[in-house]
Amino acid sequence: MIKYFFVYFAMMHASIAFGQEDVPVDGFKGEKIIYAISPVGRAEYNDLGEVVIDGKKFDCVTFRVQVMGFDDTERIYIDKQSRLPVRVERDVSTWLGRQYLVEQYDRKNFQLTIDKYKNKRKIKQYVIKKDGPIHSPVLLPFYLRTIGDLNIGWAIKARFPEEFVIRLESFDDVTTPTGKYKAYHFTSTPSKFEIWISKDDLHLPIKVKVLGGFGYTLVMKKHLLPRTLALKINETPRIYAAYSNSQ
């Protein structure tokens, strides 16, 4: 299945901590990133900004994948301090029908509870306990953008059902439909995936490659950024011009 990366990591979440000096104070509210999925499909990321739930403030993003009859939209609520997920709501449609899932992240007890619904009725519950904080699979590439400057060889251990090491392997030149980028190239051990993050002010997740039998690649096709945010972080005109022309 083309969404193998996100399905695969749905049960294998990393515990990662990065600095956040490069993230604007107000986050990236209004940002949209569209990905082409090879061999076929598309994905879309949207930053909805701050939301308030029960008097508490969270950041909220959505990520949608559409591939040959498979349509999965995730609405993710993020803790402002840890940048870890608090709640994920998934609306999944396939040729077999539609289902709704709610993921609740207990950061104190390192527990993830997944409730599965069909026709508004809860039909199943899964509980996953780990020995550390649990991360969202969809957020992983976007979480990496909060890092500062790193040297080749930098690495962390990630907690999945099996242990992985995520390592900064190299600085690469990457070409996408939006242009050419210098990029941080992260790899995993065991070798399951690779992630490229642009080596600039935005630290954009520009490419994700999943290895193995269900391998596929996401490449950034379009990046849309509100003009006010682009000017605030001194981004080049091509970014916010694209946003303005798309309205």
Protein backbone atom coordinates (compact mmCIF):
# COMPACT_ATOMS: atom_id res chain seq x y z
CA MET A 1 0.00 0.00 0.00
CA ILE A 2 1.28 3.43 -0.95
CA LYS A 3 0.74 4.82 2.53
CA TYR A 4 3.06 2.17 3.93
CA PHE A 5 5.35 4.72 5.59
CA PHE A 6 2.57 6.19 7.71
CA VAL A 7 0.77 2.89 8.34
CA TYR A 8 4.08 1.22 9.17
CA PHE A 9 4.98 3.90 11.68
CA ALA A 10 1.48 4.10 13.13
CA MET A 11 2.59 1.25 15.36
CA MET A 12 6.20 2.37 15.59
CA HIS A 13 6.41 5.90 17.02
CA ALA A 14 9.71 7.59 17.80
CA SER A 15 10.67 9.43 20.96
CA ILE A 16 12.73 12.37 19.74
CA ALA A 17 13.74 15.75 21.17
CA PHE A 18 15.08 18.63 19.10
CA GLY A 19 15.77 22.32 19.60
CA GLN A 20 13.20 24.72 18.22
CA GLU A 21 15.07 27.95 17.69
CA ASP A 22 14.19 28.05 13.98
CA VAL A 23 10.41 27.84 14.40
CA PRO A 24 8.60 31.21 14.24
CA VAL A 25 6.89 32.28 17.47
CA ASP A 26 3.46 31.84 15.88
CA GLY A 27 4.43 28.63 14.11
CA PHE A 28 3.72 28.16 10.42
CA LYS A 29 -0.02 28.93 10.49
CA GLY A 30 -1.46 28.99 6.98
CA GLU A 31 1.34 26.91 5.47
CA LYS A 32 0.36 24.30 2.88
CA ILE A 33 2.64 21.67 1.35
CA ILE A 34 1.50 19.44 -1.52
CA TYR A 35 3.40 16.23 -2.26
CA ALA A 36 3.45 14.00 -5.31
CA ILE A 37 3.57 10.32 -4.40
CA SER A 38 5.52 8.04 -6.72
CA PRO A 39 4.44 5.79 -8.35
CA VAL A 40 0.96 7.34 -7.96
CA GLY A 41 -1.00 9.59 -5.58
CA ARG A 42 -0.83 12.88 -3.71
CA ALA A 43 -0.59 14.14 -0.15
CA GLU A 44 -1.37 17.51 1.39
CA TYR A 45 -0.23 19.10 4.66
CA ASN A 46 -1.97 22.13 6.20
CA ASP A 47 -1.01 24.07 9.31
CA LEU A 48 -4.24 25.35 10.90
CA GLY A 49 -2.51 27.22 13.71
CA GLU A 50 -3.64 27.40 17.31
CA VAL A 51 -6.87 25.87 18.62
CA VAL A 52 -8.37 25.82 22.12
CA ILE A 53 -9.81 22.61 23.60
CA ASP A 54 -11.22 22.60 27.13
CA GLY A 55 -9.37 25.83 27.84
CA LYS A 56 -5.99 24.46 26.69
CA LYS A 57 -4.09 25.70 23.66
CA PHE A 58 -2.74 23.32 21.04
CA ASP A 59 -1.38 23.59 17.52
CA CYS A 60 -3.37 21.79 14.84
CA VAL A 61 -2.33 20.41 11.45
CA THR A 62 -3.95 18.13 8.89
CA PHE A 63 -2.38 15.60 6.55
CA ARG A 64 -4.31 13.94 3.74
CA VAL A 65 -3.20 11.06 1.51
CA GLN A 66 -5.11 10.08 -1.64
CA VAL A 67 -4.05 6.98 -3.54
CA MET A 68 -6.17 4.87 -5.91
CA GLY A 69 -9.36 4.64 -3.85
CA PHE A 70 -7.55 5.13 -0.53
CA ASP A 71 -8.26 8.46 1.22
CA ASP A 72 -6.92 9.12 4.72
CA THR A 73 -7.22 12.52 6.43
CA GLU A 74 -5.57 13.06 9.81
CA ARG A 75 -6.28 16.02 12.07
CA ILE A 76 -3.45 16.23 14.60
CA TYR A 77 -3.46 18.23 17.83
CA ILE A 78 0.06 19.02 19.07
CA ASP A 79 1.37 19.96 22.50
CA LYS A 80 3.01 23.37 22.22
CA GLN A 81 5.94 22.59 24.49
CA SER A 82 6.97 19.04 23.59
CA ARG A 83 5.70 19.20 19.97
CA LEU A 84 4.31 15.71 20.53
CA PRO A 85 0.76 14.72 19.55
CA VAL A 86 -2.07 14.87 22.06
CA ARG A 87 -4.89 13.62 19.84
CA VAL A 88 -5.21 12.43 16.25
CA GLU A 89 -8.52 12.05 14.44
CA ARG A 90 -8.42 9.92 11.29
CA ASP A 91 -11.11 9.69 8.63
CA VAL A 92 -10.26 6.75 6.37
CA SER A 93 -12.13 5.78 3.19
CA THR A 94 -11.34 2.81 0.96
CA TRP A 95 -13.21 0.74 -1.61
CA LEU A 96 -14.26 -1.46 1.33
CA GLY A 97 -15.96 1.36 3.23
CA ARG A 98 -15.25 4.16 5.69
CA GLN A 99 -13.96 4.18 9.24
CA TYR A 100 -13.01 6.73 11.86
CA LEU A 101 -10.17 6.40 14.35
CA VAL A 102 -9.24 8.48 17.38
CA GLU A 103 -5.74 8.27 18.83
CA GLN A 104 -5.25 9.56 22.37
CA TYR A 105 -1.68 10.11 23.58
CA ASP A 106 -1.02 9.86 27.32
CA ARG A 107 2.33 11.61 27.63
CA LYS A 108 2.68 10.94 31.37
CA ASN A 109 2.18 7.20 31.13
CA PHE A 110 3.71 6.75 27.65
CA GLN A 111 0.52 5.17 26.38
CA LEU A 112 -1.35 5.38 23.08
CA THR A 113 -5.04 4.41 22.93
CA ILE A 114 -6.62 3.95 19.50
CA ASP A 115 -10.41 3.76 19.25
CA LYS A 116 -11.87 2.51 15.99
CA TYR A 117 -15.37 3.55 14.94
CA LYS A 118 -17.76 2.45 12.21
CA ASN A 119 -21.13 4.09 11.66
CA LYS A 120 -20.47 6.20 14.78
CA ARG A 121 -20.11 3.07 16.92
CA LYS A 122 -16.86 2.09 18.60
CA ILE A 123 -16.00 -1.39 17.42
CA LYS A 124 -12.45 -1.89 18.66
CA GLN A 125 -9.78 -0.44 20.94
CA TYR A 126 -6.01 -0.85 20.88
CA VAL A 127 -3.69 0.14 23.73
CA ILE A 128 0.05 0.53 23.19
CA LYS A 129 2.46 1.16 26.07
CA LYS A 130 6.08 2.22 25.66
CA ASP A 131 8.94 3.17 27.95
CA GLY A 132 9.09 6.75 26.67
CA PRO A 133 7.09 9.46 24.88
CA ILE A 134 5.22 8.37 21.75
CA HIS A 135 5.41 10.32 18.53
CA SER A 136 3.02 10.58 15.58
CA PRO A 137 4.20 8.91 12.35
CA VAL A 138 2.81 11.66 10.13
CA LEU A 139 4.52 14.37 12.21
CA LEU A 140 7.97 12.78 12.12
CA PRO A 141 9.28 14.60 9.00
CA PHE A 142 7.71 17.87 10.19
CA TYR A 143 9.07 17.36 13.67
CA LEU A 144 12.56 17.12 12.19
CA ARG A 145 12.21 20.65 10.82
CA THR A 146 12.50 22.04 14.35
CA ILE A 147 16.17 21.10 14.56
CA GLY A 148 19.01 23.58 14.43
CA ASP A 149 22.22 23.17 12.46
CA LEU A 150 23.66 19.67 12.77
CA ASN A 151 26.85 17.92 11.78
CA ILE A 152 27.04 14.74 9.73
CA GLY A 153 26.98 11.74 12.04
CA TRP A 154 24.49 13.24 14.48
CA ALA A 155 22.10 10.49 15.56
CA ILE A 156 19.38 9.54 18.00
CA LYS A 157 17.76 6.29 19.04
CA ALA A 158 14.05 6.00 18.28
CA ARG A 159 11.64 3.82 20.22
CA PHE A 160 9.56 1.56 17.98
CA PRO A 161 8.55 -2.08 18.58
CA GLU A 162 12.10 -2.58 17.32
CA GLU A 163 14.85 -0.10 18.01
CA PHE A 164 15.87 2.29 15.24
CA VAL A 165 18.62 4.83 14.95
CA ILE A 166 17.94 7.98 12.94
CA ARG A 167 21.16 9.48 11.66
CA LEU A 168 22.16 12.56 9.69
CA GLU A 169 23.93 10.78 6.86
CA SER A 170 24.89 13.61 4.51
CA PHE A 171 24.15 17.01 3.03
CA ASP A 172 22.56 16.44 -0.38
CA ASP A 173 21.46 18.44 -3.38
CA VAL A 174 17.78 17.62 -3.98
CA THR A 175 15.68 18.73 -6.94
CA THR A 176 11.90 18.99 -6.61
CA PRO A 177 9.21 20.67 -8.73
CA THR A 178 9.62 23.74 -6.48
CA GLY A 179 13.34 24.06 -7.12
CA LYS A 180 16.75 22.85 -5.98
CA TYR A 181 17.64 22.58 -2.31
CA LYS A 182 20.57 21.84 -0.07
CA ALA A 183 19.15 19.26 2.30
CA TYR A 184 19.81 17.29 5.47
CA HIS A 185 19.62 13.60 4.58
CA PHE A 186 18.44 11.38 7.44
CA THR A 187 18.54 7.59 7.30
CA SER A 188 17.32 4.87 9.63
CA THR A 189 18.92 1.71 10.99
CA PRO A 190 17.50 -0.84 10.28
CA SER A 191 17.12 0.62 6.82
CA LYS A 192 13.40 1.35 6.43
CA PHE A 193 13.12 4.99 5.38
CA GLU A 194 15.00 8.14 4.41
CA ILE A 195 13.99 11.79 4.97
CA TRP A 196 15.34 14.96 3.38
CA ILE A 197 14.85 18.32 5.17
CA SER A 198 15.81 21.54 3.40
CA LYS A 199 18.92 23.18 4.84
CA ASP A 200 17.46 26.70 5.00
CA ASP A 201 15.34 28.87 7.29
CA LEU A 202 12.18 26.83 6.72
CA HIS A 203 13.63 23.32 7.15
CA LEU A 204 11.01 21.93 4.78
CA PRO A 205 10.36 18.17 4.59
CA ILE A 206 11.00 18.03 0.84
CA LYS A 207 11.31 14.28 0.31
CA VAL A 208 10.48 11.03 2.07
CA LYS A 209 11.50 7.65 0.69
CA VAL A 210 10.19 4.35 2.02
CA LEU A 211 12.27 1.26 1.30
CA GLY A 212 11.21 -2.35 0.87
CA GLY A 213 8.51 -4.19 -1.02
CA PHE A 214 5.91 -1.44 -0.55
CA GLY A 215 8.45 1.29 -1.22
CA TYR A 216 7.40 4.66 -2.57
CA THR A 217 8.52 8.28 -2.49
CA LEU A 218 6.89 11.58 -1.53
CA VAL A 219 8.36 14.68 -3.17
CA MET A 220 7.30 18.25 -2.45
CA LYS A 221 5.36 19.55 -5.44
CA LYS A 222 4.20 22.91 -4.12
CA HIS A 223 4.88 25.00 -1.02
CA LEU A 224 2.40 27.73 -0.12
CA LEU A 225 3.19 30.22 2.63
CA PRO A 226 1.21 33.31 3.71
CA ARG A 227 2.91 36.53 2.63
CA THR A 228 3.11 37.92 6.18
CA LEU A 229 4.90 34.83 7.47
CA ALA A 230 7.21 34.70 4.46
CA LEU A 231 8.26 38.30 5.02
CA LYS A 232 8.63 37.71 8.75
CA ILE A 233 11.23 34.99 8.25
CA ASN A 234 12.86 36.68 5.24
CA GLU A 235 11.85 33.95 2.82
CA THR A 236 12.41 34.40 -0.89
CA PRO A 237 9.64 35.94 -3.03
CA ARG A 238 8.96 32.72 -4.98
CA ILE A 239 7.39 31.17 -1.87
CA TYR A 240 4.82 33.79 -0.94
CA ALA A 241 4.21 34.76 -4.56
CA ALA A 242 3.03 31.21 -5.15
CA TYR A 243 0.61 31.54 -2.25
CA SER A 244 -0.74 34.89 -3.46
CA ASN A 245 -1.30 33.62 -6.99
CA SER A 246 -3.14 30.57 -5.71
CA GLN A 247 -5.90 32.49 -3.94
